[in-house]
Every structure is written in C-alpha cells, then in structure tokens.
Amino acid sequence: MSDLDQADGVGDESSVSDGSSETDPSIGDGSGDGSSIGDESALAWQDHAIEAAADEVGVDREVVLKRAIVALAESEGIAVPDAEEVESIRSRLDDIDADVDEKVTDLRERFVTLYRDLEPKALTDHGHEESAERLDSIVADLDDVATEVDSVEVSLDAATADLAAVENRLADVETQVDDLAFDEIEEKLSRVASAILRVRRRLDTLESERDDRQRLDALLVVANRHGVETAACGDCGETVRLGLLSAPECPHCGRAFTEIEPQTWFFGTSRLVAADPPALDGDVDESRATAPNGARDDADRTERDGADR
C-alpha cells in the first residue's frame, strides 16, 4: 500500500499510561448535558493520546491515524484501497469528462456550420438532392458521435461504480474505527506504552553496564601499566584485588572507584580513589551534619531505639 501502509510504528505511548485510564463516568450514560460533557472529555483524552504518540515517533497526527486505520482494517480482514488506485480512478474520470466535452463541442460546431450553409441555400438554391446527401453525411457523423458518447458513458459508469466501491470500503473502515470500544483502544495503547517502558529500562541497564565496564577497563589498564595487583579502597581502607573485580566498585563497602593512584614509594600502598557519594534529596539536619562522628552515631542509635519501641 502507499502512504497508509508506510506506517510501521506508533508514537509516544509512554504518556498514555500516565494514569489517565479512568474516563469521565458521564461518558455514554445518555443523560442530557452530562453525556455531552463526558463525550467531550473522552474526545479530548483521545486527541491527547494521539498527539503524544505522534510526538514520540516524530510523525504527523494524520500518519498516526492512518496507521491505526490500516491496523484495524487488517485485523478485521478489510482490504484498504491504496492511494494509487483512487488516483487512477480519478484520472480516468477526468479523461472521460474531457473527451465528452471535446465531442460535444465538435458536434455543436458542426450544427452551426450546417445551419450557416443551409440558410442561404434555402433562399437561393433548391438543390434538395445535394442537401439530402449532406444531411445523410451529417446524420452518419451524428450516429458515430452518438456511438462514441455511448461508449464514453459506459466507461464513465464503470469508473463511477469503481469509485463508489472504493468509497464504500473506506466508509466500512471508518465505521469499524468508530465502533471500537474506548476501553479496547485504551488497553491496546497501554500495552504498547508498557512495552516501550520495558525496552527503555533495559536500554538504561545496558548503558550502565557498558559504562561500568569501560571504567573498570580503564582502572585495569593503569594498574597493569604500573604493575599494581592490589590496592586499598579510598573509602573503607580494605585491600582490593584488582584482578577479581567484576565492576569498578569496592567489594567491601560498595563505593564506586574513579581512578587508581599507584604507590610512589617502595613500601607504599596503591590506592583506589572512591567516587563522591550521591547527593540526597530533601532537607539535611545541619546539627547532625556538623556533629562529630561519635555524636552522629549516638543520634542514630537513639533514633533506632525509638523506632523499635
């Protein structure tokens, strides 16, 4: 198919499953103004979902609607005519109209010429035999024109029937789309959105694993260059065997490593520089932040005891 078939994906369905699955209870209850308000709310939600899907994949709203119609038609076993078929029928109709206009114009010109030829001869010359021969010739020409017009009319009727059939098929598809239950559309969009979210999470996981692998490779390259096999964690001080690391983080305290500082003295110890801890959201108790370690430990112990009680 043409531009209807060229739709191979759906747009930003991630915004579809954002909690808008509950519709206005007044939709479809047939109760006066409440029903019309509910219908407007449902239509607004559908427009929002379509716009969000179009923005996600970077296509126009019309393309998203065409894709939905094509998918529905294929699931219902309805053959959707392509744009080339419709354009071919329209082109045939235009050619037939032009042909009919040309023949009618030619016929009119012949009648005018005949009238102008016969009018002066009727007054001055009564050669009926010559006039009869010319009339017979004109009648024959008119018969030929009538035959051609009949042929054109048959072709026009066939083209009109083809166009009507195409319009009926399109109307059937539109009727199927209109008859779809709103809950069914919502469910399908939600499933697509969930699938997209799962793919995104998987991609985030793969990207994180790739970054960790690159950082670990960089640490091992520096360690091999300086002949370092073990190093002390810059956060907890525990000894770490570099060859056993599967990720660039301390196996004892879990802190991530950013770089390695090889020993500079013969009896020195190589050190793995720990990354800064991630910032915590929310307010921080300044008194606890500035208190000594022992005071903070006592405060933590007091809070835990109170929670246990």
Protein backbone atom coordinates (compact mmCIF):
# COMPACT_ATOMS: atom_id res chain seq x y z
CA MET A 1 0.00 0.00 0.00
CA SER A 2 1.01 3.65 -0.28
CA ASP A 3 1.02 6.27 2.46
CA LEU A 4 -1.48 4.22 4.52
CA ASP A 5 0.87 1.21 4.50
CA GLN A 6 4.01 3.20 5.19
CA ALA A 7 3.06 3.45 8.87
CA ASP A 8 5.25 0.91 10.70
CA GLY A 9 5.28 2.16 14.26
CA VAL A 10 3.37 4.06 16.90
CA GLY A 11 4.39 7.16 18.73
CA ASP A 12 4.80 8.30 22.34
CA GLU A 13 2.70 5.76 24.06
CA SER A 14 4.67 6.28 27.25
CA SER A 15 2.41 9.22 28.02
CA VAL A 16 -0.68 7.06 27.50
CA SER A 17 -0.26 5.01 30.68
CA ASP A 18 0.16 8.05 32.95
CA GLY A 19 -2.95 7.38 34.99
CA SER A 20 -5.50 8.70 32.54
CA SER A 21 -7.14 5.30 32.03
CA GLU A 22 -10.17 6.32 34.11
CA THR A 23 -12.64 8.15 31.94
CA ASP A 24 -15.44 10.51 32.88
CA PRO A 25 -18.35 8.43 34.30
CA SER A 26 -20.75 10.60 32.34
CA ILE A 27 -19.46 9.23 29.02
CA GLY A 28 -22.11 7.26 27.23
CA ASP A 29 -24.77 7.48 30.02
CA GLY A 30 -27.14 9.33 27.71
CA SER A 31 -28.14 11.86 30.40
CA GLY A 32 -28.50 15.30 28.83
CA ASP A 33 -25.65 17.79 29.26
CA GLY A 34 -23.63 15.33 31.37
CA SER A 35 -23.38 12.99 28.39
CA SER A 36 -22.13 15.73 26.06
CA ILE A 37 -19.55 16.86 28.62
CA GLY A 38 -18.37 13.27 29.06
CA ASP A 39 -18.09 12.79 25.30
CA GLU A 40 -16.01 15.96 25.01
CA SER A 41 -13.75 14.73 27.82
CA ALA A 42 -13.24 11.37 26.10
CA LEU A 43 -12.51 13.02 22.76
CA ALA A 44 -10.03 15.37 24.44
CA TRP A 45 -8.28 12.40 26.01
CA GLN A 46 -8.10 10.59 22.68
CA ASP A 47 -6.68 13.70 20.99
CA HIS A 48 -4.08 13.98 23.74
CA ALA A 49 -3.07 10.33 23.35
CA ILE A 50 -2.78 10.65 19.56
CA GLU A 51 -0.70 13.84 19.81
CA ALA A 52 1.57 12.22 22.39
CA ALA A 53 2.07 9.14 20.18
CA ALA A 54 2.84 11.34 17.16
CA ASP A 55 5.39 13.40 19.13
CA GLU A 56 7.12 10.22 20.41
CA VAL A 57 7.96 8.87 16.94
CA GLY A 58 8.25 12.28 15.26
CA VAL A 59 5.41 11.94 12.75
CA ASP A 60 2.25 13.88 11.99
CA ARG A 61 -1.08 13.21 13.65
CA GLU A 62 -2.51 12.20 10.24
CA VAL A 63 0.13 9.46 9.87
CA VAL A 64 -0.72 8.03 13.32
CA LEU A 65 -4.44 7.92 12.41
CA LYS A 66 -3.68 6.25 9.06
CA ARG A 67 -1.61 3.63 10.84
CA ALA A 68 -4.44 2.91 13.27
CA ILE A 69 -6.97 2.58 10.40
CA VAL A 70 -4.66 0.24 8.45
CA ALA A 71 -4.02 -1.94 11.52
CA LEU A 72 -7.75 -2.14 12.27
CA ALA A 73 -8.62 -2.96 8.66
CA GLU A 74 -6.05 -5.75 8.51
CA SER A 75 -7.26 -7.23 11.82
CA GLU A 76 -10.87 -7.19 10.51
CA GLY A 77 -9.91 -8.63 7.11
CA ILE A 78 -10.91 -5.48 5.21
CA ALA A 79 -8.89 -4.60 2.09
CA VAL A 80 -7.94 -0.93 2.20
CA PRO A 81 -7.52 0.67 -1.25
CA ASP A 82 -4.22 2.38 -1.79
CA ALA A 83 -3.74 5.94 -2.98
CA GLU A 84 -2.63 4.82 -6.45
CA GLU A 85 -5.93 3.01 -7.06
CA VAL A 86 -8.01 6.04 -6.01
CA GLU A 87 -5.83 8.39 -8.05
CA SER A 88 -6.14 6.11 -11.11
CA ILE A 89 -9.94 6.20 -10.94
CA ARG A 90 -9.95 9.98 -10.60
CA SER A 91 -7.60 10.30 -13.55
CA ARG A 92 -9.89 8.11 -15.68
CA LEU A 93 -12.90 10.25 -14.75
CA ASP A 94 -11.03 13.42 -15.70
CA ASP A 95 -10.03 11.94 -19.06
CA ILE A 96 -13.62 10.83 -19.77
CA ASP A 97 -15.02 14.25 -18.87
CA ALA A 98 -12.51 15.95 -21.15
CA ASP A 99 -13.34 13.55 -24.01
CA VAL A 100 -17.10 14.14 -23.64
CA ASP A 101 -16.64 17.91 -23.58
CA GLU A 102 -14.49 17.76 -26.70
CA LYS A 103 -17.04 15.68 -28.63
CA VAL A 104 -19.98 17.87 -27.58
CA THR A 105 -18.07 20.96 -28.67
CA ASP A 106 -17.29 19.36 -32.03
CA LEU A 107 -20.94 18.39 -32.50
CA ARG A 108 -22.11 21.90 -31.70
CA GLU A 109 -19.67 23.39 -34.22
CA ARG A 110 -20.93 21.01 -36.92
CA PHE A 111 -24.54 22.04 -36.31
CA VAL A 112 -23.59 25.71 -36.51
CA THR A 113 -21.68 25.14 -39.76
CA LEU A 114 -24.60 23.18 -41.22
CA TYR A 115 -27.08 25.87 -40.28
CA ARG A 116 -24.95 28.59 -41.85
CA ASP A 117 -24.54 26.56 -45.03
CA LEU A 118 -28.23 25.67 -45.41
CA GLU A 119 -29.75 29.03 -44.56
CA PRO A 120 -28.56 30.97 -47.68
CA LYS A 121 -29.09 27.98 -49.97
CA ALA A 122 -32.69 27.59 -48.83
CA LEU A 123 -33.36 31.07 -50.16
CA THR A 124 -31.40 30.97 -53.43
CA ASP A 125 -31.00 27.33 -54.33
CA HIS A 126 -33.45 24.48 -54.06
CA GLY A 127 -30.99 21.69 -54.81
CA HIS A 128 -32.64 19.22 -52.47
CA GLU A 129 -30.55 16.27 -53.62
CA GLU A 130 -27.25 17.89 -52.60
CA SER A 131 -28.76 18.98 -49.30
CA ALA A 132 -30.10 15.48 -48.72
CA GLU A 133 -26.67 13.97 -49.33
CA ARG A 134 -25.08 16.40 -46.92
CA LEU A 135 -27.79 15.69 -44.37
CA ASP A 136 -27.17 11.96 -44.76
CA SER A 137 -23.46 12.54 -44.18
CA ILE A 138 -24.20 14.63 -41.13
CA VAL A 139 -26.62 12.02 -39.82
CA ALA A 140 -23.92 9.37 -40.23
CA ASP A 141 -21.46 11.58 -38.38
CA LEU A 142 -24.02 12.12 -35.66
CA ASP A 143 -24.52 8.37 -35.37
CA ASP A 144 -20.77 7.90 -34.97
CA VAL A 145 -20.66 10.61 -32.34
CA ALA A 146 -23.64 9.07 -30.53
CA THR A 147 -21.89 5.68 -30.55
CA GLU A 148 -18.73 7.22 -29.12
CA VAL A 149 -20.77 9.07 -26.50
CA ASP A 150 -22.46 5.81 -25.51
CA SER A 151 -19.05 4.18 -25.18
CA VAL A 152 -17.82 7.08 -23.08
CA GLU A 153 -20.92 6.87 -20.89
CA VAL A 154 -20.33 3.15 -20.33
CA SER A 155 -16.73 3.84 -19.33
CA LEU A 156 -17.90 6.68 -17.11
CA ASP A 157 -20.47 4.44 -15.42
CA ALA A 158 -17.81 1.79 -14.80
CA ALA A 159 -15.41 4.34 -13.36
CA THR A 160 -18.17 5.78 -11.17
CA ALA A 161 -19.02 2.30 -9.91
CA ASP A 162 -15.35 1.66 -9.09
CA LEU A 163 -15.11 4.95 -7.22
CA ALA A 164 -18.31 4.19 -5.31
CA ALA A 165 -16.93 0.78 -4.33
CA VAL A 166 -13.73 2.39 -3.05
CA GLU A 167 -15.72 4.96 -1.08
CA ASN A 168 -17.85 2.19 0.43
CA ARG A 169 -14.76 0.29 1.51
CA LEU A 170 -13.33 3.41 3.12
CA ALA A 171 -16.66 4.05 4.83
CA ASP A 172 -16.64 0.50 6.20
CA VAL A 173 -13.17 1.03 7.65
CA GLU A 174 -14.20 4.33 9.23
CA THR A 175 -17.31 2.67 10.67
CA GLN A 176 -15.17 -0.06 12.21
CA VAL A 177 -12.93 2.57 13.79
CA ASP A 178 -15.93 4.48 15.16
CA ASP A 179 -17.47 1.30 16.57
CA LEU A 180 -14.36 0.35 18.54
CA ALA A 181 -14.91 0.46 22.29
CA PHE A 182 -12.95 3.18 24.07
CA ASP A 183 -11.71 0.68 26.67
CA GLU A 184 -10.28 -1.54 23.93
CA ILE A 185 -8.32 1.35 22.43
CA GLU A 186 -7.07 2.37 25.85
CA GLU A 187 -5.97 -1.18 26.65
CA LYS A 188 -4.02 -1.52 23.40
CA LEU A 189 -2.29 1.82 23.89
CA SER A 190 -1.43 0.88 27.48
CA ARG A 191 0.14 -2.40 26.34
CA VAL A 192 2.25 -0.58 23.78
CA ALA A 193 3.32 2.00 26.38
CA SER A 194 4.30 -0.74 28.83
CA ALA A 195 6.40 -2.45 26.17
CA ILE A 196 8.19 0.81 25.42
CA LEU A 197 8.92 1.37 29.12
CA ARG A 198 10.38 -2.12 29.45
CA VAL A 199 12.63 -1.52 26.45
CA ARG A 200 13.80 1.81 27.88
CA ARG A 201 14.64 0.26 31.24
CA ARG A 202 16.58 -2.49 29.52
CA LEU A 203 18.49 0.08 27.47
CA ASP A 204 19.31 2.06 30.63
CA THR A 205 20.60 -1.11 32.27
CA LEU A 206 22.76 -1.98 29.27
CA GLU A 207 24.18 1.55 29.10
CA SER A 208 25.01 1.45 32.82
CA GLU A 209 26.75 -1.91 32.45
CA ARG A 210 28.72 -0.60 29.47
CA ASP A 211 29.86 2.48 31.43
CA ASP A 212 30.92 0.31 34.39
CA ARG A 213 32.87 -1.98 32.08
CA GLN A 214 34.65 0.97 30.47
CA ARG A 215 35.62 2.42 33.87
CA LEU A 216 36.87 -0.98 35.09
CA ASP A 217 38.92 -1.44 31.91
CA ALA A 218 40.48 1.99 32.40
CA LEU A 219 41.44 1.14 36.02
CA LEU A 220 42.94 -2.21 34.98
CA VAL A 221 44.95 -0.58 32.18
CA VAL A 222 46.56 1.86 34.63
CA ALA A 223 47.14 -0.94 37.17
CA ASN A 224 48.81 -3.17 34.58
CA ARG A 225 50.97 -0.30 33.38
CA HIS A 226 52.34 0.21 36.93
CA GLY A 227 52.34 -3.47 37.92
CA VAL A 228 49.67 -3.00 40.61
CA GLU A 229 47.79 -6.14 41.67
CA THR A 230 46.20 -4.94 44.94
CA ALA A 231 45.17 -1.53 46.20
CA ALA A 232 43.47 -0.05 49.23
CA CYS A 233 39.92 1.29 48.95
CA GLY A 234 39.94 5.04 49.35
CA ASP A 235 36.71 4.90 51.39
CA CYS A 236 36.92 1.90 53.76
CA GLY A 237 40.66 1.15 53.50
CA GLU A 238 40.19 -2.56 52.78
CA THR A 239 42.55 -4.31 50.37
CA VAL A 240 41.06 -4.97 46.92
CA ARG A 241 42.41 -7.48 44.38
CA LEU A 242 42.11 -5.74 41.04
CA GLY A 243 42.10 -8.94 39.01
CA LEU A 244 38.99 -10.19 40.83
CA LEU A 245 36.89 -7.07 40.26
CA SER A 246 33.80 -7.52 38.08
CA ALA A 247 32.72 -3.89 38.46
CA PRO A 248 34.54 -0.64 39.30
CA GLU A 249 33.40 -0.62 42.94
CA CYS A 250 34.67 -1.81 46.30
CA PRO A 251 33.53 -5.37 47.19
CA HIS A 252 33.61 -4.41 50.88
CA CYS A 253 31.79 -1.06 51.11
CA GLY A 254 30.24 -0.81 47.64
CA ARG A 255 31.71 2.64 46.83
CA ALA A 256 32.50 3.22 43.15
CA PHE A 257 36.09 3.86 42.05
CA THR A 258 37.02 6.73 39.76
CA GLU A 259 40.77 6.19 39.40
CA ILE A 260 43.79 4.40 40.84
CA GLU A 261 46.82 6.07 42.45
CA PRO A 262 49.84 3.75 42.15
CA GLN A 263 52.33 3.65 45.02
CA THR A 264 55.09 6.24 44.77
CA TRP A 265 57.40 4.72 47.38
CA PHE A 266 58.84 1.24 47.57
CA PHE A 267 56.91 0.41 50.74
CA GLY A 268 53.86 2.49 49.82
CA THR A 269 50.37 1.20 49.04
CA SER A 270 48.42 1.86 45.89
CA ARG A 271 45.05 3.49 46.50
CA LEU A 272 41.72 3.32 44.66
CA VAL A 273 40.06 6.75 44.69
CA ALA A 274 36.40 6.44 45.68
CA ALA A 275 33.74 8.49 43.96
CA ASP A 276 31.76 11.09 45.87
CA PRO A 277 28.54 9.71 47.38
CA PRO A 278 25.36 10.66 45.50
CA ALA A 279 23.54 13.73 46.77
CA LEU A 280 20.41 13.02 48.79
CA ASP A 281 17.16 14.82 48.09
CA GLY A 282 15.33 16.60 50.92
CA ASP A 283 16.36 18.67 53.91
CA VAL A 284 19.50 17.78 55.89
CA ASP A 285 19.81 18.26 59.63
CA GLU A 286 22.68 20.77 59.89
CA SER A 287 23.35 19.89 63.56
CA ARG A 288 23.90 16.25 62.61
CA ALA A 289 25.93 17.16 59.53
CA THR A 290 28.39 19.24 61.58
CA ALA A 291 28.48 16.97 64.66
CA PRO A 292 31.47 14.67 65.30
CA ASN A 293 31.25 11.06 64.21
CA GLY A 294 30.63 9.81 67.75
CA ALA A 295 27.77 12.26 68.27
CA ARG A 296 26.19 11.26 64.97
CA ASP A 297 26.44 7.57 65.90
CA ASP A 298 24.75 8.26 69.25
CA ALA A 299 21.97 10.17 67.50
CA ASP A 300 21.44 7.34 65.02
CA ARG A 301 21.34 4.79 67.84
CA THR A 302 18.76 6.88 69.73
CA GLU A 303 16.54 7.12 66.64
CA ARG A 304 16.71 3.36 66.06
CA ASP A 305 15.83 2.64 69.70
CA GLY A 306 12.85 4.97 69.49
CA ALA A 307 11.67 3.29 66.28
CA ASP A 308 11.94 -0.17 67.91
CA ARG A 309 9.79 0.94 70.79
